[in-house]
Protein backbone atom coordinates (compact mmCIF):
# COMPACT_ATOMS: atom_id res chain seq x y z
CA MET A 1 -0.12 -0.05 -0.16
CA ALA A 2 1.26 3.50 -0.83
CA SER A 3 1.61 6.13 1.60
CA LYS A 4 -0.78 8.98 1.56
CA GLY A 5 0.92 12.14 0.31
CA THR A 6 1.69 15.22 2.51
CA THR A 7 -0.88 17.95 2.13
CA ILE A 8 -0.41 21.61 1.39
CA LYS A 9 -1.88 22.10 4.94
CA GLU A 10 0.67 19.67 6.35
CA ALA A 11 3.73 21.06 4.42
CA LEU A 12 2.50 24.60 6.23
CA SER A 13 2.32 23.25 9.37
CA LYS A 14 5.75 21.82 9.24
CA TRP A 15 6.78 25.27 7.22
CA GLU A 16 5.36 27.30 10.41
CA GLU A 17 7.28 24.94 13.04
CA ARG A 18 10.83 25.77 11.05
CA LYS A 19 10.22 29.14 10.87
CA GLY A 20 8.31 30.20 13.74
CA GLU A 21 5.95 32.42 11.71
CA LYS A 22 2.20 31.97 9.95
CA ALA A 23 2.42 30.75 6.52
CA SER A 24 -0.30 33.30 5.87
CA GLY A 25 1.81 36.28 6.11
CA GLY A 26 5.18 34.18 4.66
CA VAL A 27 6.48 35.81 1.60
CA HIS A 28 9.17 33.11 0.44
CA LEU A 29 7.37 29.76 1.18
CA GLU A 30 9.46 27.03 0.62
CA LEU A 31 7.47 23.47 0.50
CA PHE A 32 9.75 21.53 -1.87
CA GLY A 33 11.15 17.83 -1.42
CA GLN A 34 8.35 17.14 0.91
CA TYR A 35 8.26 13.46 2.54
CA PRO A 36 6.07 11.86 1.67
CA PRO A 37 6.08 14.04 -1.60
CA VAL A 38 3.11 16.49 -1.93
CA GLU A 39 0.76 15.42 -4.74
CA LYS A 40 -1.93 17.77 -5.17
CA MET A 41 -1.69 21.82 -5.08
CA ASP A 42 -4.96 21.93 -2.83
CA ALA A 43 -6.98 24.96 -1.16
CA SER A 44 -5.00 25.59 1.64
CA LEU A 45 -2.97 27.68 -1.07
CA SER A 46 -5.43 30.12 -0.89
CA THR A 47 -4.70 31.44 2.66
CA LEU A 48 -1.09 32.33 1.32
CA SER A 49 -2.22 36.25 0.22
CA CYS A 50 1.29 37.50 1.13
CA CYS A 51 3.23 35.05 -0.68
CA GLU A 52 5.63 36.46 -3.58
CA LYS A 53 7.62 32.95 -4.09
CA LEU A 54 6.24 29.53 -3.44
CA SER A 55 8.52 26.72 -4.04
CA LEU A 56 6.90 23.21 -4.54
CA SER A 57 9.77 21.53 -6.78
CA THR A 58 10.93 18.12 -6.04
CA ASN A 59 7.34 16.35 -5.17
CA CYS A 60 4.57 14.44 -7.06
CA ILE A 61 2.25 17.16 -8.18
CA GLU A 62 0.08 16.81 -11.16
CA LYS A 63 -2.04 19.94 -11.88
CA ILE A 64 -1.41 23.41 -11.11
CA ALA A 65 -4.36 24.25 -9.24
CA ASN A 66 -5.72 26.56 -6.42
CA LEU A 67 -3.60 29.45 -6.88
CA ASN A 68 -6.62 32.42 -6.56
CA GLY A 69 -5.31 33.32 -2.94
CA LEU A 70 -2.07 34.16 -4.02
CA LYS A 71 -2.45 37.96 -5.02
CA ASN A 72 1.25 38.89 -5.12
CA LEU A 73 2.52 35.57 -6.33
CA LYS A 74 5.96 36.75 -8.58
CA THR A 75 8.00 33.35 -8.79
CA LEU A 76 6.48 29.78 -8.98
CA SER A 77 8.81 27.12 -8.38
CA LEU A 78 7.66 23.42 -9.73
CA GLY A 79 10.50 21.64 -10.93
CA ARG A 80 10.99 18.13 -10.66
CA ASN A 81 6.88 17.05 -10.61
CA ASN A 82 4.71 15.28 -12.63
CA ILE A 83 3.25 18.03 -14.26
CA LYS A 84 1.73 17.55 -17.64
CA SER A 85 -0.04 20.98 -18.47
CA LEU A 86 0.71 24.69 -17.70
CA THR A 87 -3.42 25.02 -17.45
CA GLY A 88 -4.49 26.47 -13.84
CA LEU A 89 -2.35 29.62 -13.78
CA GLU A 90 -5.11 32.14 -14.66
CA ALA A 91 -5.25 33.23 -10.82
CA VAL A 92 -1.50 34.64 -10.89
CA GLY A 93 -1.94 35.56 -14.66
CA ASP A 94 -1.41 39.40 -13.94
CA THR A 95 1.45 39.05 -11.08
CA LEU A 96 3.64 36.00 -12.22
CA GLU A 97 7.22 37.10 -13.19
CA GLN A 98 9.15 33.46 -12.74
CA LEU A 99 7.84 30.32 -13.80
CA TRP A 100 10.24 27.33 -12.93
CA ILE A 101 8.78 24.46 -14.12
CA SER A 102 11.91 22.48 -15.20
CA TYR A 103 11.72 18.62 -15.13
CA ASN A 104 8.21 17.61 -15.82
CA TYR A 105 5.88 16.42 -18.42
CA VAL A 106 4.64 19.57 -20.05
CA GLU A 107 4.47 18.42 -23.78
CA LYS A 108 1.61 21.55 -24.79
CA LEU A 109 1.72 25.04 -23.67
CA LYS A 110 -1.75 25.71 -23.76
CA GLY A 111 -2.22 28.27 -20.88
CA ILE A 112 0.98 30.21 -20.67
CA ASN A 113 -0.35 32.88 -22.71
CA VAL A 114 -2.39 34.28 -19.50
CA LEU A 115 1.04 35.28 -17.41
CA LYS A 116 1.10 38.67 -19.19
CA LYS A 117 4.11 39.84 -16.84
CA LEU A 118 6.08 36.70 -17.25
CA LYS A 119 9.89 37.45 -17.59
CA ILE A 120 11.67 34.47 -16.55
CA LEU A 121 10.84 30.93 -18.02
CA TYR A 122 12.59 27.68 -16.85
CA MET A 123 11.42 24.70 -18.42
CA SER A 124 14.12 22.72 -19.62
CA ASN A 125 13.73 18.62 -19.65
CA ASN A 126 10.02 18.79 -20.52
CA LEU A 127 8.50 17.22 -23.56
CA VAL A 128 7.96 20.02 -25.85
CA LYS A 129 8.67 18.72 -29.45
CA ASP A 130 7.32 21.06 -32.07
CA TRP A 131 7.31 24.65 -32.84
CA GLY A 132 3.42 24.97 -33.06
CA GLU A 133 3.54 24.66 -29.17
CA PHE A 134 7.11 26.70 -28.93
CA ASN A 135 5.31 29.56 -30.78
CA LYS A 136 2.63 30.16 -28.14
CA LEU A 137 5.71 31.87 -25.89
CA SER A 138 5.59 34.50 -28.53
CA GLU A 139 2.27 35.56 -26.59
CA LEU A 140 4.45 36.57 -23.52
CA PRO A 141 4.80 40.40 -24.02
CA GLY A 142 7.95 40.23 -21.37
CA LEU A 143 9.40 37.09 -21.65
CA GLU A 144 13.40 38.00 -21.48
CA GLN A 145 15.05 34.47 -20.02
CA LEU A 146 14.10 31.22 -20.92
CA VAL A 147 15.71 27.68 -20.64
CA PHE A 148 14.34 25.12 -22.65
CA THR A 149 17.51 22.60 -23.10
CA GLY A 150 16.35 18.87 -22.62
CA ASN A 151 13.13 19.27 -24.81
CA PRO A 152 12.99 17.12 -27.98
CA LEU A 153 12.37 20.62 -30.06
CA GLU A 154 15.34 21.86 -28.35
CA GLU A 155 17.88 18.76 -28.82
CA LYS A 156 16.75 18.14 -31.91
CA HIS A 157 17.62 21.96 -33.44
CA SER A 158 20.91 22.27 -31.32
CA ALA A 159 21.95 19.10 -33.26
CA GLU A 160 21.11 20.66 -36.59
CA GLY A 161 22.71 24.02 -35.33
CA ASP A 162 19.78 26.57 -35.71
CA TRP A 163 18.38 26.52 -32.18
CA VAL A 164 19.62 29.67 -31.14
CA LEU A 165 18.77 31.72 -34.72
CA SER A 166 15.27 30.14 -34.57
CA VAL A 167 14.36 31.08 -31.12
CA SER A 168 15.76 34.42 -31.50
CA LYS A 169 13.39 35.00 -34.60
CA ARG A 170 10.32 33.77 -32.63
CA LEU A 171 10.96 35.70 -29.82
CA PRO A 172 12.73 38.81 -30.63
CA LYS A 173 12.72 40.43 -27.47
CA LEU A 174 14.45 37.66 -25.93
CA LYS A 175 17.54 38.66 -23.74
CA LYS A 176 18.75 35.05 -22.88
CA LEU A 177 18.08 31.76 -24.20
CA ASP A 178 19.52 28.44 -22.35
CA GLY A 179 21.92 30.70 -20.29
CA SER A 180 23.62 32.55 -22.88
CA PRO A 181 22.68 36.17 -23.88
CA ILE A 182 21.09 36.39 -27.40
CA ILE A 183 23.44 38.51 -29.99
CA ARG A 184 21.59 39.63 -32.69
CA ASP A 185 22.80 40.89 -36.09
CA ASP A 186 20.40 43.99 -35.98
CA ASP A 187 21.97 44.93 -32.55
CA GLU A 188 25.09 46.06 -33.80
CA GLU A 189 23.72 47.87 -36.93
CA GLU A 190 21.52 50.26 -34.68
CA GLY A 191 24.69 51.20 -31.92
C-alpha cells in the first residue's frame, strides 16, 4: 500500500514550526522536497495572500491548481514534479514574473498566454517537441529569459545548429536563452 502524500496544509504547518511564523504572512514559502511528497496543490494554498515566491519543486504534483488566493505571487517553482500541462495559472496571470517548471512532463504550452508579466521561464527537460507549441511563447510580451534545454524540440535543433537563430526570430524580445545572452545582428547595426 502506497503512503498518502503530504497535504499542503501539513507542509505549511511544518514550515510554520520551522520558521516560527504564520504561513499566511510568509513572503517566501519553501515547500519543496516534502516527504512523503505533496501530490496536490489543494485549497490550503489560497490562504497565502502575502506569498511572493512559492517553492513546491521536487514533489509529485500532477496539476497546477488553487492559486486564486495568491494575489502577490511573483515566482512559482514547480520543477521536478509530474506536471503535464500549464492550465491552472489564470489566477496568477497578472502577477507572476517567473515560472520554474523544469523536469516535468509538459508537452503543450496551452495556458501560458495568461502570464502577461512573465519575464523568466525555466522549462528545461520537458516534452515540447514542435514549433507550433513553442510559438505560444510569443504571446508573452515581457519574456526575457528562457531555459528550454532538454526538450525534444531544442535537442533536435541544437543538433542541427539552428536552435538559437530559430528561437531569436520567434521571440525577438528574448535577452537570454539557455543561460546565454542572445546576440542579434540587428543590435550591432543600431549602435
